[in-house]
Amino acid sequence: MKKIIVAIDGFSSTGKSTLAKQLAKQLGYVYVDTGAMYRAVALFAMQNNYIGVDFLDKEKLVNSLPSIKLHFKFNPELGFAEMYLNDVNVETEIRTLEVSSFVSAVAAISEVRSKLVEQQQEMGKEKGIIMDGRDIGTVVFPNAELKIFMTAGADTRAQRRFDELQAKGDSVTYEEVLKNVVDRDYVDTHRVDSPLVMADDAIEVDNSFLDRKEQFDVVLELINDVIEAE
């Protein structure tokens, strides 16, 4: 069966990664979480004191990019690939609200995007890949056979993210999470380099009132339709 590239873009906390993992497992495709890559760079910036609540040393971060090594390693116990930063597993660290509060600012840096987009495009050369992020269908794979754009109301997304963090034991308030969601939406859609926009040929999926299975079924059908038409 012919393999394709599936590009999944959309706002934060719309469940893009969860959906992409499910689809990749079902289809036997490679899954790439580009958000994890940007989160890892944000974590690196935090660890080296290049970014904080009221500062961002862009020059130092850009100069350090050659020393940042990113790769995914499949964890058979979890059933998905985890993010490694300079050979250290940082999958847990990059999912905190603190990293979430800095990742959009780091992702807005053109040099960071250039470095990561190059790596992402290399990953997709053999096709049979599902990649999610903010600019997959517009910048990374503008010729992807299928482009999905995920959206949901900010309140809905904040509640999902809040529940997820609470389940992990993180001490956060719903108001903090909602502010983070709204702030990230603004930065992601207003940055100069590769802002979050829906590609002209993308299919919008609003999952405000869809559960995970319903969402999975909708998108899997879209994928199968494209594969059959190829």
Protein backbone atom coordinates (compact mmCIF):
# COMPACT_ATOMS: atom_id res chain seq x y z
CA MET A 1 0.00 0.00 0.00
CA LYS A 2 1.29 3.44 -0.91
CA LYS A 3 2.59 5.44 2.04
CA ILE A 4 1.88 9.14 2.46
CA ILE A 5 2.85 12.07 4.67
CA VAL A 6 0.19 13.19 7.16
CA ALA A 7 0.72 16.71 8.52
CA ILE A 8 -1.23 17.60 11.66
CA ASP A 9 -1.17 21.25 12.74
CA GLY A 10 -3.22 23.19 15.24
CA PHE A 11 -3.43 25.04 18.50
CA SER A 12 -1.83 23.87 21.75
CA SER A 13 -3.64 21.23 23.81
CA THR A 14 -5.87 20.04 20.97
CA GLY A 15 -4.59 16.50 21.35
CA LYS A 16 -2.48 16.53 18.20
CA SER A 17 0.23 14.29 19.65
CA THR A 18 -2.20 11.78 21.12
CA LEU A 19 -4.03 11.49 17.81
CA ALA A 20 -0.80 11.25 15.80
CA LYS A 21 0.52 8.44 18.03
CA GLN A 22 -2.73 6.49 17.64
CA LEU A 23 -2.71 6.89 13.87
CA ALA A 24 0.96 5.96 13.51
CA LYS A 25 0.43 2.79 15.54
CA GLN A 26 -2.62 1.83 13.50
CA LEU A 27 -0.92 2.44 10.15
CA GLY A 28 2.60 1.31 11.03
CA TYR A 29 3.89 4.81 10.28
CA VAL A 30 6.70 6.76 11.94
CA TYR A 31 5.45 9.42 14.37
CA VAL A 32 7.38 12.64 14.97
CA ASP A 33 6.36 15.05 17.74
CA THR A 34 7.88 18.34 16.58
CA GLY A 35 6.52 20.08 19.66
CA ALA A 36 8.80 17.90 21.76
CA MET A 37 11.76 19.13 19.73
CA TYR A 38 10.92 22.79 20.40
CA ARG A 39 10.22 21.99 24.04
CA ALA A 40 13.66 20.36 24.33
CA VAL A 41 15.33 23.51 22.96
CA ALA A 42 13.30 25.59 25.44
CA LEU A 43 14.44 23.30 28.26
CA PHE A 44 18.05 23.71 27.10
CA ALA A 45 17.60 27.50 27.19
CA MET A 46 16.18 27.27 30.72
CA GLN A 47 19.00 25.03 31.93
CA ASN A 48 21.58 27.49 30.61
CA ASN A 49 19.78 30.58 31.90
CA TYR A 50 19.14 31.91 28.40
CA ILE A 51 15.44 32.44 29.12
CA GLY A 52 13.35 33.47 32.10
CA VAL A 53 10.11 35.16 33.03
CA ASP A 54 11.31 38.56 31.85
CA PHE A 55 14.28 37.86 29.57
CA LEU A 56 15.45 35.90 26.52
CA ASP A 57 19.08 35.91 25.44
CA LYS A 58 18.46 35.08 21.81
CA GLU A 59 22.10 35.55 20.75
CA LYS A 60 23.47 33.05 23.27
CA LEU A 61 20.80 30.50 22.41
CA VAL A 62 21.40 30.84 18.67
CA ASN A 63 25.15 30.52 19.17
CA SER A 64 24.56 27.35 21.20
CA LEU A 65 22.41 25.62 18.57
CA PRO A 66 25.32 23.56 17.14
CA SER A 67 25.76 21.98 20.58
CA ILE A 68 22.11 20.90 20.84
CA LYS A 69 21.62 17.27 19.82
CA LEU A 70 18.05 16.02 19.58
CA HIS A 71 16.80 12.52 18.86
CA PHE A 72 13.83 10.27 19.54
CA LYS A 73 14.22 6.81 21.06
CA PHE A 74 11.36 4.32 21.01
CA ASN A 75 10.28 3.08 24.45
CA PRO A 76 8.61 -0.33 23.99
CA GLU A 77 7.05 -0.20 27.46
CA LEU A 78 5.29 3.08 26.70
CA GLY A 79 4.66 2.35 23.04
CA PHE A 80 6.05 5.64 21.72
CA ALA A 81 9.35 7.42 21.15
CA GLU A 82 10.72 9.67 23.89
CA MET A 83 12.67 12.91 23.45
CA TYR A 84 16.39 12.95 24.18
CA LEU A 85 18.40 16.15 24.61
CA ASN A 86 22.14 15.62 24.30
CA ASP A 87 21.65 11.91 25.04
CA VAL A 88 19.55 12.54 28.17
CA ASN A 89 15.90 11.47 28.33
CA VAL A 90 13.93 14.68 28.94
CA GLU A 91 10.43 13.42 28.08
CA THR A 92 9.08 14.21 31.56
CA GLU A 93 10.88 17.55 32.00
CA ILE A 94 9.65 19.02 28.70
CA ARG A 95 5.97 18.45 29.57
CA THR A 96 5.86 20.85 32.53
CA LEU A 97 3.85 24.07 32.54
CA GLU A 98 7.10 26.03 33.02
CA VAL A 99 8.52 24.72 29.74
CA SER A 100 5.13 25.35 28.11
CA SER A 101 5.34 29.00 29.14
CA PHE A 102 8.64 29.46 27.29
CA VAL A 103 8.36 27.20 24.27
CA SER A 104 6.44 29.59 22.00
CA ALA A 105 9.04 32.34 22.48
CA VAL A 106 11.86 29.91 21.66
CA ALA A 107 9.95 28.52 18.65
CA ALA A 108 9.55 32.05 17.28
CA ILE A 109 13.33 32.36 16.77
CA SER A 110 14.07 31.91 13.05
CA GLU A 111 17.41 30.17 13.60
CA VAL A 112 15.80 27.62 15.90
CA ARG A 113 13.03 26.92 13.39
CA SER A 114 15.52 26.59 10.54
CA LYS A 115 17.57 24.01 12.43
CA LEU A 116 14.58 21.90 13.43
CA VAL A 117 12.69 22.16 10.12
CA GLU A 118 15.76 20.83 8.30
CA GLN A 119 15.83 17.81 10.62
CA GLN A 120 12.08 17.26 10.25
CA GLN A 121 12.20 17.34 6.45
CA GLU A 122 14.99 14.77 6.48
CA MET A 123 12.81 12.47 8.61
CA GLY A 124 10.02 12.57 6.02
CA LYS A 125 11.99 11.63 2.91
CA GLU A 126 10.81 8.01 2.97
CA LYS A 127 7.17 9.02 3.62
CA GLY A 128 5.01 6.81 5.83
CA ILE A 129 5.23 9.51 8.49
CA ILE A 130 2.81 11.39 10.71
CA MET A 131 4.13 14.67 12.06
CA ASP A 132 2.36 17.18 14.27
CA GLY A 133 3.21 20.75 15.13
CA ARG A 134 2.41 24.32 14.12
CA ASP A 135 3.84 24.65 10.60
CA ILE A 136 3.99 21.11 9.25
CA GLY A 137 1.51 21.59 6.43
CA THR A 138 2.63 25.12 5.59
CA VAL A 139 6.44 24.98 5.92
CA VAL A 140 7.86 21.52 6.70
CA PHE A 141 5.75 19.49 4.25
CA PRO A 142 3.79 21.89 2.02
CA ASN A 143 3.23 18.99 -0.40
CA ALA A 144 1.93 16.52 2.20
CA GLU A 145 -0.79 14.29 0.78
CA LEU A 146 -3.04 15.02 3.78
CA LYS A 147 -3.10 18.08 6.04
CA ILE A 148 -5.21 18.22 9.20
CA PHE A 149 -5.75 21.36 11.27
CA MET A 150 -6.87 20.72 14.85
CA THR A 151 -8.82 23.26 16.84
CA ALA A 152 -11.03 23.55 19.94
CA GLY A 153 -12.19 26.31 22.27
CA ALA A 154 -9.56 27.76 24.63
CA ASP A 155 -11.64 26.82 27.70
CA THR A 156 -11.94 23.24 26.52
CA ARG A 157 -8.24 22.96 25.79
CA ALA A 158 -7.28 24.50 29.12
CA GLN A 159 -9.50 22.06 31.02
CA ARG A 160 -7.95 19.10 29.20
CA ARG A 161 -4.44 20.34 29.92
CA PHE A 162 -5.30 21.12 33.55
CA ASP A 163 -6.70 17.61 34.08
CA GLU A 164 -3.58 16.11 32.48
CA LEU A 165 -1.21 18.09 34.72
CA GLN A 166 -3.29 17.32 37.82
CA ALA A 167 -3.11 13.62 37.00
CA LYS A 168 0.68 13.91 36.90
CA GLY A 169 0.69 15.56 40.32
CA ASP A 170 1.65 19.04 39.12
CA SER A 171 0.50 21.85 41.40
CA VAL A 172 -1.19 24.27 39.01
CA THR A 173 -4.48 26.17 38.87
CA TYR A 174 -6.96 26.15 36.00
CA GLU A 175 -6.49 29.92 35.66
CA GLU A 176 -2.73 29.47 35.17
CA VAL A 177 -3.29 26.84 32.50
CA LEU A 178 -5.92 28.92 30.68
CA LYS A 179 -3.59 31.94 30.64
CA ASN A 180 -0.81 29.74 29.24
CA VAL A 181 -3.11 28.44 26.48
CA VAL A 182 -4.29 31.94 25.51
CA ASP A 183 -0.76 33.39 25.62
CA ARG A 184 0.62 30.57 23.47
CA ASP A 185 -2.19 31.01 20.95
CA TYR A 186 -1.28 34.68 20.58
CA VAL A 187 2.47 34.09 20.20
CA ASP A 188 1.99 31.14 17.83
CA THR A 189 -0.35 33.04 15.52
CA HIS A 190 1.51 36.37 15.58
CA ARG A 191 5.17 35.36 15.24
CA VAL A 192 6.93 36.66 12.12
CA ASP A 193 8.53 33.35 11.13
CA SER A 194 6.08 30.57 10.22
CA PRO A 195 3.05 31.68 12.24
CA LEU A 196 0.35 29.15 13.02
CA VAL A 197 -2.16 29.30 10.15
CA MET A 198 -4.32 26.69 8.49
CA ALA A 199 -2.99 25.68 5.09
CA ASP A 200 -5.36 26.41 2.21
CA ASP A 201 -5.69 22.70 1.45
CA ALA A 202 -5.96 21.52 5.07
CA ILE A 203 -9.05 19.91 6.57
CA GLU A 204 -10.16 21.50 9.84
CA VAL A 205 -11.15 19.18 12.69
CA ASP A 206 -12.80 20.88 15.67
CA ASN A 207 -12.65 18.35 18.49
CA SER A 208 -14.36 20.49 21.16
CA PHE A 209 -17.12 17.89 21.39
CA LEU A 210 -15.33 14.78 20.14
CA ASP A 211 -13.82 12.10 22.35
CA ARG A 212 -10.54 10.45 21.40
CA LYS A 213 -12.13 7.53 19.59
CA GLU A 214 -14.47 9.74 17.57
CA GLN A 215 -11.57 12.00 16.59
CA PHE A 216 -9.42 8.99 15.66
CA ASP A 217 -12.17 7.48 13.50
CA VAL A 218 -12.77 10.76 11.65
CA VAL A 219 -9.11 11.31 10.75
CA LEU A 220 -8.35 7.65 9.98
CA GLU A 221 -11.16 7.68 7.44
CA LEU A 222 -9.66 10.79 5.84
CA ILE A 223 -6.27 9.08 5.63
CA ASN A 224 -7.71 5.91 4.11
CA ASP A 225 -9.61 7.98 1.52
CA VAL A 226 -6.38 9.69 0.44
CA ILE A 227 -4.41 6.42 0.31
CA GLU A 228 -7.09 4.76 -1.80
CA ALA A 229 -7.14 7.71 -4.18
CA GLU A 230 -3.38 7.71 -4.70
